[in-house]
């Protein structure tokens, strides 16, 4: 089905919705809503209280009888849970790994990027957002593996597929309507990001979504899609892994590898500078480095962005 990439509540199937923010830029995530009778499950809250209030207001207008009983946070990135305090009366669920990470991933983590000493190219990613008033509100229920929730008369499956994008990624499967909310395992229309890895787990997570035979897939960012978009995301990750592995064997730096990557097949994807984060994730695996701080790669990311933009305008 075709769902407009516009900000608001979009119906995917009876009593099944996506809330889309209509932007592929960093910090503009998607959410989901699964209803049955007067009960509802909300997939994710947003980066700021303002974004989350806007979503909850739109939901109240579109589905006025809905009572949000459950909230599922797909992972610990702030743009998927920092609005939790506005739905604190609900039972909030995440994977155990995500909940553990949330304790160290509150809004204080953006403060260094807003500092006057920060590279202005990095600061630009977070400057548009108002992080004031956020009180970190953590999950009340955690799980590992799989968990089934009952929403009215409907069954909703939570499936942990991390560590992949992050340590505790969870996808949400709505079997009766063949819908999957994928969190940041998938970002349609732009380059996704492998923060944690290993990249093979990200590839397997894509394959797991395909095995669920979902007709509609709501990514963590970007427009709603389906199987074709999942296959393309998987193929992109496989290409990145192969290229990064070869470049590593040749002794090239992540930035050199990123500049040599053939982007022609993915020229329509936004945020191409994120490629270096994914190459860096492969390098960490090959080096056995674990998950070090992202700062060096983030600075190289903005360098790559400038060089890509210069290539386009040349």
Protein backbone atom coordinates (compact mmCIF):
# COMPACT_ATOMS: atom_id res chain seq x y z
CA UNK A 1 0.00 0.00 0.00
CA UNK A 2 1.09 3.58 -0.57
CA UNK A 3 1.35 5.72 2.58
CA UNK A 4 2.10 9.44 2.14
CA UNK A 5 5.40 10.58 3.57
CA UNK A 6 3.76 13.47 5.38
CA UNK A 7 3.64 14.33 9.05
CA UNK A 8 0.64 12.79 10.80
CA UNK A 9 -1.30 9.63 11.57
CA UNK A 10 -1.64 7.24 8.62
CA UNK A 11 -3.90 4.19 8.59
CA UNK A 12 -2.14 0.99 7.52
CA UNK A 13 -4.96 -1.48 8.21
CA UNK A 14 -8.02 -1.64 10.47
CA UNK A 15 -7.02 -0.25 13.87
CA UNK A 16 -3.35 -0.19 12.81
CA UNK A 17 -1.50 3.08 12.19
CA UNK A 18 1.86 4.74 11.62
CA UNK A 19 2.75 8.19 12.83
CA UNK A 20 5.25 9.64 10.36
CA UNK A 21 7.19 12.89 10.87
CA UNK A 22 7.77 13.43 7.17
CA UNK A 23 11.53 14.07 7.28
CA UNK A 24 14.59 11.87 6.76
CA UNK A 25 16.80 14.22 8.79
CA UNK A 26 18.43 13.02 11.99
CA UNK A 27 16.03 13.15 14.94
CA UNK A 28 12.74 12.77 13.04
CA UNK A 29 11.57 9.25 13.79
CA UNK A 30 8.40 7.29 13.10
CA UNK A 31 6.03 5.70 15.60
CA UNK A 32 3.16 3.22 15.47
CA UNK A 33 -0.23 2.60 17.03
CA UNK A 34 -2.05 -0.73 17.32
CA UNK A 35 -5.61 -0.53 18.65
CA UNK A 36 -8.36 -2.93 19.66
CA UNK A 37 -11.56 -1.60 21.17
CA UNK A 38 -10.52 1.18 23.51
CA UNK A 39 -7.02 -0.22 24.16
CA UNK A 40 -3.90 0.73 22.23
CA UNK A 41 -0.20 0.02 22.05
CA UNK A 42 2.13 2.86 21.05
CA UNK A 43 5.44 2.08 19.36
CA UNK A 44 8.03 4.65 20.49
CA UNK A 45 7.96 8.24 21.66
CA UNK A 46 10.14 11.00 20.25
CA UNK A 47 13.27 13.11 20.74
CA UNK A 48 11.51 16.06 22.38
CA UNK A 49 8.40 16.67 24.41
CA UNK A 50 7.13 18.97 21.67
CA UNK A 51 7.38 16.27 19.00
CA UNK A 52 5.73 13.73 21.28
CA UNK A 53 2.90 16.10 22.25
CA UNK A 54 2.22 16.78 18.58
CA UNK A 55 1.97 13.04 17.93
CA UNK A 56 -0.28 12.35 20.91
CA UNK A 57 -2.57 15.22 19.90
CA UNK A 58 -2.82 13.85 16.36
CA UNK A 59 -3.59 10.37 17.71
CA UNK A 60 -6.29 11.73 20.00
CA UNK A 61 -7.91 13.45 17.04
CA UNK A 62 -7.62 10.49 14.66
CA UNK A 63 -8.60 7.78 17.16
CA UNK A 64 -10.46 9.67 19.91
CA UNK A 65 -11.56 6.64 21.96
CA UNK A 66 -8.07 5.20 22.29
CA UNK A 67 -6.43 4.63 25.66
CA UNK A 68 -2.70 3.96 25.33
CA UNK A 69 -2.18 1.02 27.70
CA UNK A 70 1.20 -0.12 26.35
CA UNK A 71 4.27 1.71 25.05
CA UNK A 72 7.08 -0.24 23.40
CA UNK A 73 10.45 1.44 22.96
CA UNK A 74 12.30 -0.21 20.09
CA UNK A 75 15.78 0.78 21.36
CA UNK A 76 17.69 3.27 23.49
CA UNK A 77 18.33 6.11 21.01
CA UNK A 78 16.75 9.26 22.43
CA UNK A 79 14.56 9.95 19.41
CA UNK A 80 12.64 6.76 20.26
CA UNK A 81 12.02 7.22 24.01
CA UNK A 82 12.76 10.67 25.44
CA UNK A 83 9.04 11.54 25.26
CA UNK A 84 8.07 8.63 27.55
CA UNK A 85 7.10 10.89 30.45
CA UNK A 86 4.03 12.00 28.48
CA UNK A 87 2.71 8.40 28.47
CA UNK A 88 3.98 7.41 31.91
CA UNK A 89 0.57 6.01 32.93
CA UNK A 90 1.02 3.20 30.40
CA UNK A 91 3.09 0.06 30.86
CA UNK A 92 6.37 0.84 29.11
CA UNK A 93 8.21 -2.13 27.59
CA UNK A 94 11.66 -2.61 26.06
CA UNK A 95 14.29 -5.27 25.81
CA UNK A 96 16.42 -5.67 28.92
CA UNK A 97 19.50 -4.60 26.95
CA UNK A 98 17.80 -1.40 25.74
CA UNK A 99 16.58 -0.53 29.23
CA UNK A 100 20.11 -0.96 30.57
CA UNK A 101 21.47 1.41 27.92
CA UNK A 102 18.75 3.98 28.58
CA UNK A 103 20.19 4.59 32.05
CA UNK A 104 23.20 6.18 30.34
CA UNK A 105 21.47 7.64 27.27
CA UNK A 106 19.36 10.51 28.59
CA UNK A 107 19.20 14.05 27.19
CA UNK A 108 22.44 14.95 28.95
CA UNK A 109 24.21 13.03 26.20
CA UNK A 110 23.44 15.76 23.63
CA UNK A 111 24.95 18.54 25.77
CA UNK A 112 28.48 18.09 24.37
CA UNK A 113 27.13 18.50 20.84
CA UNK A 114 25.45 21.79 21.77
CA UNK A 115 28.61 23.24 23.29
CA UNK A 116 30.10 26.34 21.69
CA UNK A 117 33.34 24.39 21.34
CA UNK A 118 31.72 21.67 19.24
CA UNK A 119 32.33 21.47 15.51
CA UNK A 120 29.40 23.54 14.15
CA UNK A 121 28.83 20.91 11.47
CA UNK A 122 28.04 18.38 14.20
CA UNK A 123 26.10 20.89 16.29
CA UNK A 124 23.79 21.49 13.34
CA UNK A 125 22.36 17.96 13.72
CA UNK A 126 20.87 18.71 17.16
CA UNK A 127 20.40 22.49 17.19
CA UNK A 128 16.86 22.33 15.74
CA UNK A 129 15.57 20.45 18.80
CA UNK A 130 14.39 21.74 22.18
CA UNK A 131 15.43 19.17 24.79
CA UNK A 132 14.17 21.16 27.77
CA UNK A 133 11.88 19.62 30.37
CA UNK A 134 12.72 15.99 29.62
CA UNK A 135 12.64 13.66 32.61
CA UNK A 136 14.01 10.24 31.60
CA UNK A 137 11.16 7.76 32.05
CA UNK A 138 12.31 4.17 31.85
CA UNK A 139 10.56 0.94 30.88
CA UNK A 140 8.53 -0.77 33.59
CA UNK A 141 8.71 -4.17 31.89
CA UNK A 142 11.75 -5.65 30.17
CA UNK A 143 12.33 -8.93 28.37
CA UNK A 144 14.81 -10.92 26.34
CA UNK A 145 14.06 -12.94 23.22
CA UNK A 146 10.34 -12.66 22.50
CA UNK A 147 7.25 -11.41 24.32
CA UNK A 148 3.58 -11.42 23.35
CA UNK A 149 1.30 -8.60 24.48
CA UNK A 150 -2.49 -8.57 24.33
CA UNK A 151 -4.10 -5.36 23.12
CA UNK A 152 -7.84 -5.74 23.45
CA UNK A 153 -8.53 -8.84 21.36
CA UNK A 154 -5.28 -8.61 19.37
CA UNK A 155 -1.90 -10.25 19.84
CA UNK A 156 1.24 -8.20 19.26
CA UNK A 157 4.65 -9.90 19.14
CA UNK A 158 7.82 -8.22 20.35
CA UNK A 159 10.97 -9.80 18.92
CA UNK A 160 14.46 -8.85 20.08
CA UNK A 161 16.85 -8.76 17.11
CA UNK A 162 19.75 -6.87 18.70
CA UNK A 163 22.58 -6.35 19.09
CA UNK A 164 22.34 -4.85 15.63
CA UNK A 165 21.63 -1.13 15.14
CA UNK A 166 21.96 -0.93 18.94
CA UNK A 167 22.43 -3.50 21.69
CA UNK A 168 18.75 -4.14 22.36
CA UNK A 169 16.77 -3.61 19.15
CA UNK A 170 13.17 -4.84 19.17
CA UNK A 171 10.79 -5.18 16.23
CA UNK A 172 7.02 -5.29 16.68
CA UNK A 173 4.99 -7.77 14.65
CA UNK A 174 1.22 -7.43 14.22
CA UNK A 175 0.36 -10.85 12.76
CA UNK A 176 -3.33 -10.31 11.95
CA UNK A 177 -2.53 -7.42 9.58
CA UNK A 178 0.97 -8.50 8.48
CA UNK A 179 2.54 -5.28 9.73
CA UNK A 180 6.01 -4.87 11.25
CA UNK A 181 7.35 -1.82 13.08
CA UNK A 182 11.10 -2.18 12.60
CA UNK A 183 12.60 0.63 14.65
CA UNK A 184 16.01 1.71 13.38
CA UNK A 185 16.84 -1.72 12.03
CA UNK A 186 15.44 -0.08 8.89
CA UNK A 187 15.61 3.50 7.60
CA UNK A 188 13.95 3.78 4.22
CA UNK A 189 15.05 6.48 1.78
CA UNK A 190 18.35 7.10 3.56
CA UNK A 191 21.48 5.33 4.68
CA UNK A 192 20.82 3.39 7.88
CA UNK A 193 23.29 3.25 10.75
CA UNK A 194 25.05 0.36 12.46
CA UNK A 195 25.90 1.74 15.90
CA UNK A 196 26.45 -1.54 17.73
CA UNK A 197 26.60 -4.42 15.31
CA UNK A 198 27.83 -6.85 14.32
CA UNK A 199 26.71 -5.99 10.83
CA UNK A 200 25.78 -9.64 10.24
CA UNK A 201 23.12 -9.25 12.93
CA UNK A 202 21.69 -6.27 11.04
CA UNK A 203 21.55 -8.40 7.91
CA UNK A 204 19.90 -11.24 9.83
CA UNK A 205 17.37 -8.81 11.31
CA UNK A 206 16.34 -7.82 7.78
CA UNK A 207 15.99 -11.48 6.89
CA UNK A 208 13.90 -12.09 10.01
CA UNK A 209 11.50 -9.34 8.94
CA UNK A 210 11.24 -10.90 5.48
CA UNK A 211 10.51 -14.28 7.07
CA UNK A 212 7.55 -12.74 8.91
CA UNK A 213 6.02 -12.14 5.46
CA UNK A 214 4.87 -8.66 6.39
CA UNK A 215 3.13 -6.67 3.70
CA UNK A 216 3.71 -3.34 5.43
CA UNK A 217 6.92 -2.30 7.19
CA UNK A 218 7.23 0.89 9.20
CA UNK A 219 10.91 1.86 9.48
CA UNK A 220 12.35 3.87 12.32
CA UNK A 221 12.90 6.73 9.88
CA UNK A 222 11.64 7.46 6.40
CA UNK A 223 8.53 6.48 4.44
CA UNK A 224 6.50 3.35 5.10
CA UNK A 225 7.47 0.50 2.78
CA UNK A 226 7.32 -3.25 2.28
CA UNK A 227 9.36 -6.28 1.31
CA UNK A 228 11.14 -4.59 -1.59
CA UNK A 229 12.55 -1.89 0.67
CA UNK A 230 13.66 -4.48 3.24
CA UNK A 231 15.51 -6.44 0.56
CA UNK A 232 17.25 -3.31 -0.61
CA UNK A 233 18.33 -2.42 2.93
CA UNK A 234 19.73 -5.93 3.38
CA UNK A 235 21.58 -5.72 0.07
CA UNK A 236 23.05 -2.35 1.05
CA UNK A 237 24.41 -3.82 4.29
CA UNK A 238 25.92 -6.76 2.42
CA UNK A 239 27.62 -4.37 -0.01
CA UNK A 240 28.99 -2.27 2.85
CA UNK A 241 30.34 -5.34 4.62
CA UNK A 242 32.09 -6.66 1.50
CA UNK A 243 33.58 -3.27 0.61
CA UNK A 244 34.72 -2.48 4.15
CA UNK A 245 36.27 -5.93 4.59
CA UNK A 246 38.28 -5.57 1.37
CA UNK A 247 39.37 -2.02 2.25
CA UNK A 248 40.44 -3.13 5.72
CA UNK A 249 42.57 -5.90 4.22
CA UNK A 250 44.24 -3.28 2.01
CA UNK A 251 45.11 -1.16 5.06
CA UNK A 252 42.83 1.74 4.13
CA UNK A 253 41.27 4.01 6.73
CA UNK A 254 37.48 4.09 7.21
CA UNK A 255 37.38 7.53 5.57
CA UNK A 256 39.36 6.30 2.57
CA UNK A 257 37.05 3.29 2.29
CA UNK A 258 33.97 5.50 2.46
CA UNK A 259 35.26 7.83 -0.26
CA UNK A 260 35.93 4.86 -2.54
CA UNK A 261 32.53 3.21 -2.04
CA UNK A 262 30.47 3.17 -5.26
CA UNK A 263 27.32 5.07 -4.32
CA UNK A 264 25.74 4.96 -7.77
CA UNK A 265 23.32 2.16 -6.86
CA UNK A 266 22.25 4.11 -3.77
CA UNK A 267 22.37 7.63 -5.20
CA UNK A 268 18.73 8.24 -4.28
CA UNK A 269 19.36 7.64 -0.56
CA UNK A 270 19.76 10.63 1.75
CA UNK A 271 22.42 11.05 4.44
CA UNK A 272 25.21 9.32 2.51
CA UNK A 273 27.73 10.58 5.08
CA UNK A 274 26.42 7.89 7.47
CA UNK A 275 28.24 5.36 5.31
CA UNK A 276 31.41 5.92 7.30
CA UNK A 277 29.66 4.89 10.53
CA UNK A 278 28.75 1.57 8.94
CA UNK A 279 32.22 1.03 7.54
CA UNK A 280 33.59 1.93 10.96
CA UNK A 281 31.35 -0.73 12.53
CA UNK A 282 32.84 -3.38 10.23
CA UNK A 283 36.36 -2.18 11.06
CA UNK A 284 35.63 -2.47 14.81
CA UNK A 285 34.57 -6.08 14.31
CA UNK A 286 37.66 -6.88 12.24
CA UNK A 287 39.93 -5.17 14.77
CA UNK A 288 38.19 -6.73 17.76
CA UNK A 289 37.76 -3.27 19.25
CA UNK A 290 34.29 -3.71 20.75
CA UNK A 291 32.27 -0.51 20.68
CA UNK A 292 34.51 2.54 21.32
CA UNK A 293 33.30 6.14 21.37
CA UNK A 294 31.84 7.44 18.15
CA UNK A 295 33.48 10.88 18.27
CA UNK A 296 36.33 10.29 15.77
CA UNK A 297 33.97 8.77 13.21
CA UNK A 298 31.43 11.57 13.71
CA UNK A 299 34.06 14.16 12.84
CA UNK A 300 35.04 12.15 9.77
CA UNK A 301 31.35 11.86 8.90
CA UNK A 302 30.98 15.63 8.49
CA UNK A 303 34.19 15.68 6.44
CA UNK A 304 32.73 13.01 4.18
CA UNK A 305 29.49 14.96 3.89
CA UNK A 306 31.34 18.04 2.71
CA UNK A 307 33.36 16.10 0.15
CA UNK A 308 30.24 14.37 -1.19
CA UNK A 309 28.43 17.68 -1.49
CA UNK A 310 31.42 19.16 -3.31
CA UNK A 311 31.39 16.26 -5.75
CA UNK A 312 27.70 16.81 -6.51
CA UNK A 313 28.15 20.54 -7.14
CA UNK A 314 31.36 20.17 -9.16
